[in-house]
Structures are given as structure tokens and as C-alpha cells.
Amino acid sequence: MALIKKHFDVTLLEDEAGFIAMKFVENSMADSNTDQTLAMTKLINDILNIVKYQLSLTMPDESVSLQRFLVHLRFFAERLTLKRPDQSQGVDDDFLFEHLSKQYPRAFACVQKIAVFVKKSTEQTVSVNERIYLIMHIQRMLNENQ
């Protein structure tokens, strides 16, 4: 919303900005349909709300960390919505996950809440590898927000 205000001197309502964001997601998916796009957009928005409220984060729209997180969430939501398994699980991921859970307890707790939410809303489990990526993105945003 801030970029549109800056470049076009137009203030968008949150609903309008959400609709435009949904159109970008929809157009970027080669094999999308409206139901999948709505499900993805809702999932992304719900996860963002968990992060914002769990950690009291206020990130500017132009934040590089937030933009990276949104890109990651888009692919994450696409995998969940299309029920594509995460094939990138490695042997060392459990060790790294344990280390990150101790190193970044706030980000870890937030990711645990996201995993519970995803399980309830999609009936899918968030892989250890995916949790690692989420912890790292969230920690980056926490560092930027200090």
C-alpha cells in the first residue's frame, strides 16, 4: 500500500490492497483456479496475522525481509493448497531444527503456532525443513524490526 501511495499518490483501503495482491498471486500461478487462489491468499494472510500478533511486528511494506517472507509464503501456500509434498527434507535437518529452536526461541514459538494452525486448517503437517525456513525468515524480520 505504501508503494502505491508513494508512486501514484493514491491511498488504498486494506480490502482493495488485498484484492490487488490476490490478483498478483492468481496471475503468477500457471495452473491456478479461483478456489485455489482464494485458499492460498487466505492461508498467507492468516499466517501473516499469526506472525504480526504473536511477535507484535510492524513491518513496512517495502521491507526486504517482509518481501522475502511473502515470496516464501506464496510457494508454501501453493504446496499446501495443491497438496505437494516437501521433497527437500535432509538428514541434518533435525539437528539444525533443534539448534534453531534454542537459538531463536521467539521465532520458534511462532513457527510452532503456524504449524498447529496449518494442521488444523489444511490437515497437513509442516515439515521440519519448512519450519527451518520459517524460523529463519521470521528471525530476519525480528532482527530488522528491532
C-alpha atoms as a PDB file:
ATOM      1  CA  MET A   1       0.000   0.000   0.000  1.00  0.00           C
ATOM      2  CA  ALA A   2       2.869   2.338   0.805  1.00  0.00           C
ATOM      3  CA  LEU A   3       4.447   1.790  -2.610  1.00  0.00           C
ATOM      4  CA  ILE A   4       1.203   2.655  -4.397  1.00  0.00           C
ATOM      5  CA  LYS A   5       0.810   5.761  -2.242  1.00  0.00           C
ATOM      6  CA  LYS A   6       4.393   6.773  -2.951  1.00  0.00           C
ATOM      7  CA  HIS A   7       4.343   6.156  -6.703  1.00  0.00           C
ATOM      8  CA  PHE A   8       0.778   7.093  -7.596  1.00  0.00           C
ATOM      9  CA  ASP A   9      -0.292   9.304  -4.675  1.00  0.00           C
ATOM     10  CA  VAL A  10      -3.322   7.063  -4.117  1.00  0.00           C
ATOM     11  CA  THR A  11      -4.382   5.659  -0.767  1.00  0.00           C
ATOM     12  CA  LEU A  12      -5.871   2.177  -0.982  1.00  0.00           C
ATOM     13  CA  LEU A  13      -8.172   0.655   1.561  1.00  0.00           C
ATOM     14  CA  GLU A  14      -6.950  -2.629   3.027  1.00  0.00           C
ATOM     15  CA  ASP A  15      -9.662  -4.539   1.112  1.00  0.00           C
ATOM     16  CA  GLU A  16      -8.542  -3.015  -2.193  1.00  0.00           C
ATOM     17  CA  ALA A  17      -4.889  -3.787  -1.496  1.00  0.00           C
ATOM     18  CA  GLY A  18      -5.818  -7.367  -0.599  1.00  0.00           C
ATOM     19  CA  PHE A  19      -7.777  -7.757  -3.814  1.00  0.00           C
ATOM     20  CA  ILE A  20      -4.864  -6.451  -5.881  1.00  0.00           C
ATOM     21  CA  ALA A  21      -2.444  -8.774  -4.055  1.00  0.00           C
ATOM     22  CA  MET A  22      -4.780 -11.694  -4.735  1.00  0.00           C
ATOM     23  CA  LYS A  23      -4.764 -10.833  -8.447  1.00  0.00           C
ATOM     24  CA  PHE A  24      -0.963 -10.837  -8.499  1.00  0.00           C
ATOM     25  CA  VAL A  25      -0.880 -14.263  -6.856  1.00  0.00           C
ATOM     26  CA  GLU A  26      -3.577 -15.543  -9.210  1.00  0.00           C
ATOM     27  CA  ASN A  27      -1.792 -14.282 -12.310  1.00  0.00           C
ATOM     28  CA  SER A  28       1.557 -15.672 -11.202  1.00  0.00           C
ATOM     29  CA  MET A  29       0.263 -19.232 -10.954  1.00  0.00           C
ATOM     30  CA  ALA A  30       0.250 -21.080 -14.252  1.00  0.00           C
ATOM     31  CA  ASP A  31      -2.432 -23.615 -13.336  1.00  0.00           C
ATOM     32  CA  SER A  32      -4.474 -21.660 -10.842  1.00  0.00           C
ATOM     33  CA  ASN A  33      -8.172 -21.542 -10.313  1.00  0.00           C
ATOM     34  CA  THR A  34     -10.200 -19.149  -8.208  1.00  0.00           C
ATOM     35  CA  ASP A  35     -10.807 -21.558  -5.318  1.00  0.00           C
ATOM     36  CA  GLN A  36      -7.103 -22.364  -5.043  1.00  0.00           C
ATOM     37  CA  THR A  37      -6.170 -18.700  -5.277  1.00  0.00           C
ATOM     38  CA  LEU A  38      -8.631 -17.766  -2.545  1.00  0.00           C
ATOM     39  CA  ALA A  39      -7.381 -20.606  -0.346  1.00  0.00           C
ATOM     40  CA  MET A  40      -3.769 -19.553  -0.874  1.00  0.00           C
ATOM     41  CA  THR A  41      -4.495 -15.890  -0.216  1.00  0.00           C
ATOM     42  CA  LYS A  42      -6.407 -16.705   2.966  1.00  0.00           C
ATOM     43  CA  LEU A  43      -3.641 -19.017   4.193  1.00  0.00           C
ATOM     44  CA  ILE A  44      -0.943 -16.401   3.522  1.00  0.00           C
ATOM     45  CA  ASN A  45      -2.984 -13.688   5.244  1.00  0.00           C
ATOM     46  CA  ASP A  46      -3.721 -15.910   8.253  1.00  0.00           C
ATOM     47  CA  ILE A  47      -0.037 -16.826   8.654  1.00  0.00           C
ATOM     48  CA  LEU A  48       0.964 -13.167   8.380  1.00  0.00           C
ATOM     49  CA  ASN A  49      -1.557 -12.322  11.096  1.00  0.00           C
ATOM     50  CA  ILE A  50      -0.152 -15.035  13.361  1.00  0.00           C
ATOM     51  CA  VAL A  51       3.346 -13.612  12.914  1.00  0.00           C
ATOM     52  CA  LYS A  52       2.257  -9.990  13.403  1.00  0.00           C
ATOM     53  CA  TYR A  53       0.220 -10.661  16.540  1.00  0.00           C
ATOM     54  CA  GLN A  54       2.443 -13.339  18.090  1.00  0.00           C
ATOM     55  CA  LEU A  55       5.542 -11.144  17.786  1.00  0.00           C
ATOM     56  CA  SER A  56       3.972  -7.655  17.735  1.00  0.00           C
ATOM     57  CA  LEU A  57       5.694  -6.963  14.417  1.00  0.00           C
ATOM     58  CA  THR A  58       5.033  -3.887  12.354  1.00  0.00           C
ATOM     59  CA  MET A  59       6.925  -4.197   9.085  1.00  0.00           C
ATOM     60  CA  PRO A  60       6.830  -1.559   6.359  1.00  0.00           C
ATOM     61  CA  ASP A  61       5.525  -2.910   3.036  1.00  0.00           C
ATOM     62  CA  GLU A  62       8.853  -2.187   1.362  1.00  0.00           C
ATOM     63  CA  SER A  63      10.853  -4.220   3.914  1.00  0.00           C
ATOM     64  CA  VAL A  64      13.139  -6.655   2.095  1.00  0.00           C
ATOM     65  CA  SER A  65      12.662  -9.224   4.854  1.00  0.00           C
ATOM     66  CA  LEU A  66       8.888  -8.982   4.572  1.00  0.00           C
ATOM     67  CA  GLN A  67       9.017  -9.271   0.786  1.00  0.00           C
ATOM     68  CA  ARG A  68      11.200 -12.395   1.015  1.00  0.00           C
ATOM     69  CA  PHE A  69       8.866 -13.854   3.608  1.00  0.00           C
ATOM     70  CA  LEU A  70       5.862 -13.205   1.357  1.00  0.00           C
ATOM     71  CA  VAL A  71       7.555 -14.937  -1.575  1.00  0.00           C
ATOM     72  CA  HIS A  72       8.320 -17.910   0.641  1.00  0.00           C
ATOM     73  CA  LEU A  73       4.738 -17.962   1.966  1.00  0.00           C
ATOM     74  CA  ARG A  74       3.378 -17.906  -1.578  1.00  0.00           C
ATOM     75  CA  PHE A  75       5.269 -21.070  -2.511  1.00  0.00           C
ATOM     76  CA  PHE A  76       4.495 -22.630   0.868  1.00  0.00           C
ATOM     77  CA  ALA A  77       0.778 -21.924   0.433  1.00  0.00           C
ATOM     78  CA  GLU A  78       0.903 -23.258  -3.118  1.00  0.00           C
ATOM     79  CA  ARG A  79       2.473 -26.521  -1.928  1.00  0.00           C
ATOM     80  CA  LEU A  80      -0.156 -26.881   0.793  1.00  0.00           C
ATOM     81  CA  THR A  81      -3.099 -25.911  -1.407  1.00  0.00           C
ATOM     82  CA  LEU A  82      -2.041 -28.225  -4.224  1.00  0.00           C
ATOM     83  CA  LYS A  83      -1.032 -30.884  -1.653  1.00  0.00           C
ATOM     84  CA  ARG A  84       2.518 -31.145  -2.983  1.00  0.00           C
ATOM     85  CA  PRO A  85       4.901 -32.810  -0.523  1.00  0.00           C
ATOM     86  CA  ASP A  86       8.091 -31.065   0.568  1.00  0.00           C
ATOM     87  CA  GLN A  87      10.787 -33.180  -1.109  1.00  0.00           C
ATOM     88  CA  SER A  88      13.762 -31.302   0.325  1.00  0.00           C
ATOM     89  CA  GLN A  89      13.958 -32.968   3.754  1.00  0.00           C
ATOM     90  CA  GLY A  90      17.600 -33.732   4.609  1.00  0.00           C
ATOM     91  CA  VAL A  91      19.286 -35.931   7.181  1.00  0.00           C
ATOM     92  CA  ASP A  92      20.799 -32.983   9.049  1.00  0.00           C
ATOM     93  CA  ASP A  93      17.546 -31.024   9.220  1.00  0.00           C
ATOM     94  CA  ASP A  94      16.563 -32.376  12.645  1.00  0.00           C
ATOM     95  CA  PHE A  95      19.872 -31.224  14.129  1.00  0.00           C
ATOM     96  CA  LEU A  96      19.555 -27.785  12.561  1.00  0.00           C
ATOM     97  CA  PHE A  97      15.938 -27.503  13.684  1.00  0.00           C
ATOM     98  CA  GLU A  98      16.920 -28.303  17.293  1.00  0.00           C
ATOM     99  CA  HIS A  99      19.711 -25.747  17.159  1.00  0.00           C
ATOM    100  CA  LEU A 100      17.454 -23.006  15.753  1.00  0.00           C
ATOM    101  CA  SER A 101      14.733 -23.741  18.314  1.00  0.00           C
ATOM    102  CA  LYS A 102      17.232 -22.936  21.076  1.00  0.00           C
ATOM    103  CA  GLN A 103      18.955 -20.074  19.252  1.00  0.00           C
ATOM    104  CA  TYR A 104      15.731 -18.269  18.262  1.00  0.00           C
ATOM    105  CA  PRO A 105      13.027 -19.175  20.801  1.00  0.00           C
ATOM    106  CA  ARG A 106      10.575 -16.415  19.800  1.00  0.00           C
ATOM    107  CA  ALA A 107      10.691 -17.300  16.110  1.00  0.00           C
ATOM    108  CA  PHE A 108      10.486 -20.995  17.008  1.00  0.00           C
ATOM    109  CA  ALA A 109       7.380 -20.478  19.187  1.00  0.00           C
ATOM    110  CA  CYS A 110       5.743 -18.510  16.380  1.00  0.00           C
ATOM    111  CA  VAL A 111       6.500 -21.254  13.845  1.00  0.00           C
ATOM    112  CA  GLN A 112       5.036 -23.848  16.209  1.00  0.00           C
ATOM    113  CA  LYS A 113       1.796 -21.831  16.278  1.00  0.00           C
ATOM    114  CA  ILE A 114       1.857 -21.628  12.482  1.00  0.00           C
ATOM    115  CA  ALA A 115       2.336 -25.399  12.262  1.00  0.00           C
ATOM    116  CA  VAL A 116      -0.638 -26.031  14.577  1.00  0.00           C
ATOM    117  CA  PHE A 117      -2.763 -23.604  12.560  1.00  0.00           C
ATOM    118  CA  VAL A 118      -1.766 -25.236   9.243  1.00  0.00           C
ATOM    119  CA  LYS A 119      -2.535 -28.698  10.626  1.00  0.00           C
ATOM    120  CA  LYS A 120      -5.994 -27.576  11.769  1.00  0.00           C
ATOM    121  CA  SER A 121      -6.868 -25.636   8.642  1.00  0.00           C
ATOM    122  CA  THR A 122      -5.348 -27.850   5.928  1.00  0.00           C
ATOM    123  CA  GLU A 123      -4.939 -31.199   7.705  1.00  0.00           C
ATOM    124  CA  GLN A 124      -1.310 -31.210   6.549  1.00  0.00           C
ATOM    125  CA  THR A 125       1.874 -31.367   8.577  1.00  0.00           C
ATOM    126  CA  VAL A 126       4.543 -28.704   8.182  1.00  0.00           C
ATOM    127  CA  SER A 127       7.865 -30.464   7.522  1.00  0.00           C
ATOM    128  CA  VAL A 128      10.954 -29.855   9.629  1.00  0.00           C
ATOM    129  CA  ASN A 129      12.639 -28.320   6.595  1.00  0.00           C
ATOM    130  CA  GLU A 130       9.744 -25.915   6.089  1.00  0.00           C
ATOM    131  CA  ARG A 131       9.832 -24.980   9.780  1.00  0.00           C
ATOM    132  CA  ILE A 132      13.537 -24.196   9.463  1.00  0.00           C
ATOM    133  CA  TYR A 133      12.860 -21.802   6.585  1.00  0.00           C
ATOM    134  CA  LEU A 134      10.026 -20.158   8.502  1.00  0.00           C
ATOM    135  CA  ILE A 135      12.170 -19.715  11.628  1.00  0.00           C
ATOM    136  CA  MET A 136      14.933 -18.094   9.584  1.00  0.00           C
ATOM    137  CA  HIS A 137      12.564 -15.719   7.760  1.00  0.00           C
ATOM    138  CA  ILE A 138      10.773 -14.735  10.954  1.00  0.00           C
ATOM    139  CA  GLN A 139      14.032 -14.211  12.830  1.00  0.00           C
ATOM    140  CA  ARG A 140      15.274 -11.990   9.998  1.00  0.00           C
ATOM    141  CA  MET A 141      12.114  -9.876  10.338  1.00  0.00           C
ATOM    142  CA  LEU A 142      12.546  -9.727  14.118  1.00  0.00           C
ATOM    143  CA  ASN A 143      16.134  -8.519  13.680  1.00  0.00           C
ATOM    144  CA  GLU A 144      15.041  -5.892  11.177  1.00  0.00           C
ATOM    145  CA  ASN A 145      12.225  -4.740  13.453  1.00  0.00           C
ATOM    146  CA  GLN A 146      14.494  -4.002  16.435  1.00  0.00           C
END
